[in-house]
Amino acid sequence: MPIPQWQSPGAKYLAQVPLFGPEDGVTVREPLNAGPGWWAGAPSALYDHESEQFYLYYRIRKPRELGRGVACRVARSEDGIRFEDIWRIGKEDLDSPSVEKSCIFKAPDGSWRLYISYVDPETNMWRIDCMQADAPDAFDPTDRETVFLPQELGLEGIKDPMVYRIGPMYYMIVSYAPAAEGVATEEEKHGTGDVYNTGIVKSHTGLATSGCGLNWHWQGDILSPPDEGWDRYCTRIGSILCRAPVFIGFYDGSASVEENYEEKAGLCVSYDLRNWERVTRAAPYVTSPHGCIRYVEVLEAPGGLYYYYEWTREDGSHELRVTRMEVS
């Protein structure tokens, strides 16, 4: 069988990966109901070589007037497509108005971590904590530790962590809202518990590093919205894939606050995780015919590349999908 051109170094195609077609996706989780505001998504996936199992974090959301991000779950699978839930909590277990994307991670010592983002009930600002457990079904929300409080970094919010161990270092990629001093009151910024949906600040991507994965050092911005374009309001990197010497990033983009919940998927590249260049400058990489494709999570595991993502359905709700791409 001939080698596809995108895999051929002889054609000067280097560090290539097969990108997914979302229309070929399989539904992993459906929302609780039909219509706008009902979502299942914000995935974080992991393949555990020891147990030969896939693990998937996702959150469940209702419309704002019915509670927003009401629950999060961890599911297990043998094939990366059919999952069974093994752990769940509700936002009340965090005493929070809403819970959002988190990151499931297995540490080198065999312990498990869940880096979770939620709205702080005291400040109404997005924050990140970490739970540790001996197994992926044993996370205890009462035994969590603070990772980042936005006010300590001079930010308006920080959420959606994705953690990678590269060499001996840990890298956390996050969505953050920069300071908006003097342009709005605290009530205007945080009265709704979601500064990203006010139009006062834009959604940027930031980076933190750690030697152990528990004590983190804020490094600052790595991708900001441009002055013009389809992604001028939001550039939120959700996952990365390494094809040495290139890191390929999948980010959520939007043009305005009106698209805050219906972002489209974009591509960017970096050689050092700190300086990113947008590939999809003119238009998104992929969209749903009914709205968004966002929170793209790419996982390399036996069987190929697994792309998990949130997809807008015809009725306006969001479902969680997966598309598997074979890799030679």
Protein backbone atom coordinates (compact mmCIF):
# COMPACT_ATOMS: atom_id res chain seq x y z
CA MET A 1 0.00 0.00 0.00
CA PRO A 2 1.49 3.39 -0.92
CA ILE A 3 2.40 5.79 1.86
CA PRO A 4 -0.04 8.73 2.10
CA GLN A 5 1.69 11.92 1.03
CA TRP A 6 1.05 13.54 4.42
CA GLN A 7 3.25 10.78 5.95
CA SER A 8 6.04 11.05 3.39
CA PRO A 9 9.33 12.75 4.39
CA GLY A 10 10.34 12.43 0.74
CA ALA A 11 7.52 14.83 -0.15
CA LYS A 12 8.89 17.19 2.53
CA TYR A 13 5.95 16.51 4.82
CA LEU A 14 7.53 16.38 8.27
CA ALA A 15 6.02 15.84 11.74
CA GLN A 16 2.55 15.23 10.29
CA VAL A 17 -0.56 13.83 11.99
CA PRO A 18 -3.95 12.79 10.58
CA LEU A 19 -6.54 15.39 11.54
CA PHE A 20 -10.06 14.30 12.27
CA GLY A 21 -13.34 14.74 10.46
CA PRO A 22 -15.94 15.50 13.16
CA GLU A 23 -18.85 14.31 11.04
CA ASP A 24 -17.45 10.77 11.46
CA GLY A 25 -17.59 11.00 15.23
CA VAL A 26 -19.32 8.53 17.55
CA THR A 27 -21.44 9.82 20.42
CA VAL A 28 -19.81 9.05 23.78
CA ARG A 29 -22.20 10.94 26.06
CA GLU A 30 -25.46 12.76 25.37
CA PRO A 31 -26.68 15.83 27.26
CA LEU A 32 -29.39 15.44 29.90
CA ASN A 33 -31.95 17.19 27.72
CA ALA A 34 -32.45 18.86 24.33
CA GLY A 35 -31.95 22.53 23.56
CA PRO A 36 -29.38 25.28 24.17
CA GLY A 37 -27.51 25.14 27.46
CA TRP A 38 -27.72 21.36 27.84
CA TRP A 39 -24.19 20.03 27.42
CA ALA A 40 -22.07 16.94 27.90
CA GLY A 41 -18.41 17.59 27.19
CA ALA A 42 -15.22 19.41 28.28
CA PRO A 43 -13.32 16.08 28.10
CA SER A 44 -9.96 15.02 29.46
CA ALA A 45 -8.78 11.57 28.38
CA LEU A 46 -5.98 9.24 29.48
CA TYR A 47 -4.80 5.76 28.52
CA ASP A 48 -3.35 3.70 31.37
CA HIS A 49 -0.85 1.15 30.03
CA GLU A 50 -0.80 -0.77 33.31
CA SER A 51 -4.51 -1.61 33.26
CA GLU A 52 -4.90 -1.22 29.47
CA GLN A 53 -7.92 0.98 30.11
CA PHE A 54 -9.02 4.40 28.85
CA TYR A 55 -10.22 6.97 31.39
CA LEU A 56 -12.33 9.96 30.51
CA TYR A 57 -13.32 12.98 32.57
CA TYR A 58 -16.31 15.03 31.41
CA ARG A 59 -18.78 17.50 32.86
CA ILE A 60 -22.54 17.80 32.63
CA ARG A 61 -24.18 21.20 32.24
CA LYS A 62 -27.72 22.54 32.36
CA PRO A 63 -28.91 25.96 31.14
CA ARG A 64 -27.75 28.85 33.31
CA GLU A 65 -31.15 29.32 34.93
CA LEU A 66 -31.17 25.63 35.92
CA GLY A 67 -27.71 25.45 37.45
CA ARG A 68 -24.92 25.67 34.80
CA GLY A 69 -22.14 23.08 35.31
CA VAL A 70 -23.94 20.76 37.71
CA ALA A 71 -21.77 17.63 37.77
CA CYS A 72 -18.56 15.97 36.64
CA ARG A 73 -17.77 12.33 36.06
CA VAL A 74 -14.96 9.88 35.31
CA ALA A 75 -15.64 6.97 32.96
CA ARG A 76 -13.65 3.87 31.99
CA SER A 77 -13.38 2.02 28.67
CA GLU A 78 -11.53 -0.85 27.04
CA ASP A 79 -11.68 0.59 23.52
CA GLY A 80 -11.76 4.36 24.02
CA ILE A 81 -15.26 4.60 22.56
CA ARG A 82 -17.72 2.79 24.87
CA PHE A 83 -17.46 4.07 28.43
CA GLU A 84 -19.01 3.28 31.80
CA ASP A 85 -19.09 5.86 34.60
CA ILE A 86 -17.04 4.94 37.68
CA TRP A 87 -17.01 8.22 39.64
CA ARG A 88 -19.11 11.35 39.92
CA ILE A 89 -19.69 14.42 42.04
CA GLY A 90 -22.05 17.37 41.85
CA LYS A 91 -21.21 21.05 42.10
CA GLU A 92 -22.68 21.00 45.62
CA ASP A 93 -19.76 18.77 46.65
CA LEU A 94 -17.52 21.75 45.88
CA ASP A 95 -20.02 24.27 47.29
CA SER A 96 -19.73 25.93 43.89
CA PRO A 97 -22.08 27.66 41.43
CA SER A 98 -20.51 25.70 38.54
CA VAL A 99 -17.85 23.13 37.69
CA GLU A 100 -15.92 23.10 34.42
CA LYS A 101 -13.24 21.24 32.48
CA SER A 102 -10.67 19.35 34.54
CA CYS A 103 -7.69 17.11 33.84
CA ILE A 104 -7.28 13.48 34.89
CA PHE A 105 -3.64 12.41 35.32
CA LYS A 106 -1.72 9.39 36.59
CA ALA A 107 1.51 10.23 38.41
CA PRO A 108 4.74 8.22 38.01
CA ASP A 109 4.25 6.69 41.48
CA GLY A 110 0.91 5.20 40.41
CA SER A 111 -1.30 7.68 42.24
CA TRP A 112 -4.06 9.54 40.43
CA ARG A 113 -4.77 13.25 40.26
CA LEU A 114 -7.71 15.31 39.14
CA TYR A 115 -6.94 18.96 38.47
CA ILE A 116 -10.39 20.50 38.70
CA SER A 117 -11.67 23.97 37.81
CA TYR A 118 -14.77 25.46 39.38
CA VAL A 119 -16.24 28.77 40.52
CA ASP A 120 -15.02 29.76 43.97
CA PRO A 121 -18.13 30.30 46.14
CA GLU A 122 -16.42 33.12 48.07
CA THR A 123 -15.19 35.22 45.13
CA ASN A 124 -17.31 34.00 42.19
CA MET A 125 -14.04 33.60 40.26
CA TRP A 126 -12.82 30.51 38.40
CA ARG A 127 -10.06 28.65 40.29
CA ILE A 128 -8.12 25.38 40.03
CA ASP A 129 -7.64 22.74 42.74
CA CYS A 130 -6.16 19.24 42.78
CA MET A 131 -7.51 15.98 44.25
CA GLN A 132 -5.24 12.97 44.77
CA ALA A 133 -6.34 9.36 45.09
CA ASP A 134 -5.10 5.77 44.85
CA ALA A 135 -7.54 5.00 42.04
CA PRO A 136 -9.51 6.97 39.42
CA ASP A 137 -12.79 6.17 41.17
CA ALA A 138 -11.65 7.35 44.60
CA PHE A 139 -11.27 11.14 44.32
CA ASP A 140 -12.56 12.88 47.46
CA PRO A 141 -13.67 16.50 46.90
CA THR A 142 -13.28 17.25 50.62
CA ASP A 143 -9.58 16.42 50.37
CA ARG A 144 -8.45 18.82 47.67
CA GLU A 145 -5.63 21.34 47.59
CA THR A 146 -5.45 24.75 45.99
CA VAL A 147 -3.42 24.99 42.80
CA PHE A 148 -4.26 28.51 41.59
CA LEU A 149 -6.38 31.36 42.91
CA PRO A 150 -6.72 34.03 40.22
CA GLN A 151 -6.51 36.98 42.58
CA GLU A 152 -3.06 35.82 43.74
CA LEU A 153 -1.87 35.99 40.12
CA GLY A 154 -3.50 39.33 39.36
CA LEU A 155 -6.08 37.65 37.11
CA GLU A 156 -9.87 37.67 36.88
CA GLY A 157 -10.16 33.91 36.42
CA ILE A 158 -8.22 30.72 35.68
CA LYS A 159 -9.68 27.39 34.55
CA ASP A 160 -9.63 24.44 32.11
CA PRO A 161 -6.28 22.90 33.15
CA MET A 162 -4.48 20.37 30.96
CA VAL A 163 -1.36 18.75 32.44
CA TYR A 164 1.49 17.04 30.61
CA ARG A 165 4.75 15.57 31.89
CA ILE A 166 7.49 16.29 29.35
CA GLY A 167 10.85 14.92 30.41
CA PRO A 168 11.15 15.54 34.15
CA MET A 169 8.92 18.65 34.10
CA TYR A 170 5.18 19.13 34.37
CA TYR A 171 3.42 21.68 32.17
CA MET A 172 -0.07 22.98 32.82
CA ILE A 173 -1.91 24.79 30.03
CA VAL A 174 -4.88 26.85 31.22
CA SER A 175 -7.49 29.35 30.13
CA TYR A 176 -7.13 32.64 31.96
CA ALA A 177 -8.81 36.03 32.06
CA PRO A 178 -6.33 38.92 32.46
CA ALA A 179 -6.83 41.75 34.91
CA ALA A 180 -9.50 44.29 34.02
CA GLU A 181 -8.77 47.03 36.54
CA GLY A 182 -10.60 50.31 36.23
CA VAL A 183 -12.97 49.23 33.46
CA ALA A 184 -15.68 47.54 35.53
CA THR A 185 -16.84 46.97 39.09
CA GLU A 186 -16.38 43.68 40.91
CA GLU A 187 -20.11 43.07 40.57
CA GLU A 188 -19.98 43.65 36.82
CA LYS A 189 -17.03 41.29 36.46
CA HIS A 190 -17.99 38.51 38.85
CA GLY A 191 -21.64 38.96 39.75
CA THR A 192 -22.67 36.17 37.39
CA GLY A 193 -19.85 33.84 38.41
CA ASP A 194 -18.42 33.78 34.88
CA VAL A 195 -16.24 36.72 33.88
CA TYR A 196 -15.62 35.10 30.48
CA ASN A 197 -19.27 35.61 29.57
CA THR A 198 -19.37 39.34 30.36
CA GLY A 199 -17.41 40.75 27.42
CA ILE A 200 -15.22 42.67 29.87
CA VAL A 201 -12.19 40.40 29.38
CA LYS A 202 -11.06 38.03 26.66
CA SER A 203 -10.08 34.37 27.01
CA HIS A 204 -6.31 33.82 26.82
CA THR A 205 -4.08 30.77 27.20
CA GLY A 206 -1.42 30.65 29.91
CA LEU A 207 1.27 28.26 31.10
CA ALA A 208 2.47 27.02 34.49
CA THR A 209 5.36 24.64 35.24
CA SER A 210 6.25 22.31 38.09
CA GLY A 211 8.89 19.81 39.11
CA CYS A 212 6.40 17.58 40.92
CA GLY A 213 2.98 18.39 39.52
CA LEU A 214 1.72 19.78 42.81
CA ASN A 215 3.61 23.03 43.40
CA TRP A 216 3.19 25.21 40.36
CA HIS A 217 4.92 28.33 39.02
CA TRP A 218 2.95 30.71 36.83
CA GLN A 219 4.83 31.50 33.61
CA GLY A 220 2.28 33.80 31.97
CA ASP A 221 0.65 34.16 28.58
CA ILE A 222 1.40 31.86 25.65
CA LEU A 223 -1.47 32.61 23.24
CA SER A 224 -3.64 35.74 23.18
CA PRO A 225 -6.55 36.66 20.93
CA PRO A 226 -5.44 38.70 17.90
CA ASP A 227 -6.79 42.16 17.15
CA GLU A 228 -8.78 40.86 14.18
CA GLY A 229 -10.17 37.57 12.93
CA TRP A 230 -12.60 34.80 13.77
CA ASP A 231 -10.74 34.14 17.05
CA ARG A 232 -10.30 37.72 18.29
CA TYR A 233 -12.22 37.10 21.54
CA CYS A 234 -10.99 33.65 22.57
CA THR A 235 -7.85 31.58 21.92
CA ARG A 236 -8.05 28.76 24.48
CA ILE A 237 -5.66 25.85 23.92
CA GLY A 238 -7.34 22.66 25.12
CA SER A 239 -4.84 19.93 24.21
CA ILE A 240 -1.52 19.33 22.48
CA LEU A 241 0.15 16.57 20.49
CA CYS A 242 3.91 16.20 20.15
CA ARG A 243 5.52 15.33 16.82
CA ALA A 244 9.14 16.25 17.40
CA PRO A 245 10.23 18.93 17.03
CA VAL A 246 6.71 20.38 16.84
CA PHE A 247 3.90 20.68 19.35
CA ILE A 248 0.50 20.86 17.66
CA GLY A 249 -2.17 22.64 19.68
CA PHE A 250 -5.94 22.49 19.38
CA TYR A 251 -7.61 25.66 20.57
CA ASP A 252 -11.10 27.09 20.93
CA GLY A 253 -11.70 30.38 19.13
CA SER A 254 -14.51 32.89 19.01
CA ALA A 255 -15.02 36.39 17.60
CA SER A 256 -17.11 37.90 20.40
CA VAL A 257 -18.77 37.25 23.73
CA GLU A 258 -21.91 36.27 21.82
CA GLU A 259 -20.01 33.16 20.68
CA ASN A 260 -18.71 32.39 24.16
CA TYR A 261 -20.47 29.04 24.36
CA GLU A 262 -20.20 28.17 20.66
CA GLU A 263 -16.46 28.32 19.98
CA LYS A 264 -14.87 26.73 16.92
CA ALA A 265 -11.73 24.59 16.75
CA GLY A 266 -8.45 26.10 15.60
CA LEU A 267 -4.87 24.83 15.17
CA CYS A 268 -1.60 26.32 16.40
CA VAL A 269 2.03 25.17 16.58
CA SER A 270 4.98 25.69 18.90
CA TYR A 271 8.54 24.50 19.33
CA ASP A 272 8.90 25.36 23.02
CA LEU A 273 5.36 25.46 24.52
CA ARG A 274 5.81 29.17 25.20
CA ASN A 275 5.59 30.72 21.76
CA TRP A 276 2.59 29.63 19.69
CA GLU A 277 1.67 30.53 16.13
CA ARG A 278 -1.88 30.22 14.86
CA VAL A 279 -2.22 28.04 11.75
CA THR A 280 -5.91 28.70 11.18
CA ARG A 281 -5.75 32.46 10.82
CA ALA A 282 -8.41 32.89 8.14
CA ALA A 283 -11.04 30.47 9.43
CA PRO A 284 -11.57 27.69 11.99
CA TYR A 285 -10.16 24.24 11.41
CA VAL A 286 -13.52 22.47 11.95
CA THR A 287 -17.05 23.42 12.97
CA SER A 288 -20.37 21.71 13.49
CA PRO A 289 -23.08 22.58 10.95
CA HIS A 290 -25.18 23.54 13.96
CA GLY A 291 -22.63 25.55 15.96
CA CYS A 292 -19.46 24.65 17.80
CA ILE A 293 -16.74 22.08 17.95
CA ARG A 294 -14.75 22.86 21.07
CA TYR A 295 -12.69 21.35 23.89
CA VAL A 296 -10.82 19.10 21.45
CA GLU A 297 -8.83 16.52 23.44
CA VAL A 298 -6.38 14.43 21.42
CA LEU A 299 -5.07 11.19 22.90
CA GLU A 300 -2.48 8.86 21.36
CA ALA A 301 -3.22 5.29 22.43
CA PRO A 302 -3.36 1.74 21.02
CA GLY A 303 -5.51 1.88 17.93
CA GLY A 304 -4.45 5.36 16.83
CA LEU A 305 -5.33 8.92 17.72
CA TYR A 306 -8.55 9.48 19.64
CA TYR A 307 -10.09 12.92 19.25
CA TYR A 308 -12.71 13.72 21.89
CA TYR A 309 -14.70 16.93 21.48
CA GLU A 310 -17.90 18.78 22.27
CA TRP A 311 -20.28 19.03 19.30
CA THR A 312 -23.39 21.17 18.84
CA ARG A 313 -26.42 19.13 17.82
CA GLU A 314 -29.27 20.31 15.63
CA ASP A 315 -31.41 21.14 18.68
CA GLY A 316 -28.70 23.42 20.10
CA SER A 317 -27.50 21.07 22.84
CA HIS A 318 -23.90 19.75 23.01
CA GLU A 319 -22.89 16.10 22.99
CA LEU A 320 -19.50 14.50 23.66
CA ARG A 321 -18.06 12.72 20.61
CA VAL A 322 -14.96 10.74 19.68
CA THR A 323 -13.34 10.22 16.30
CA ARG A 324 -10.56 7.63 16.04
CA MET A 325 -7.85 8.03 13.39
CA GLU A 326 -5.48 5.20 12.56
CA VAL A 327 -1.77 5.97 12.56
CA SER A 328 0.71 3.83 10.63
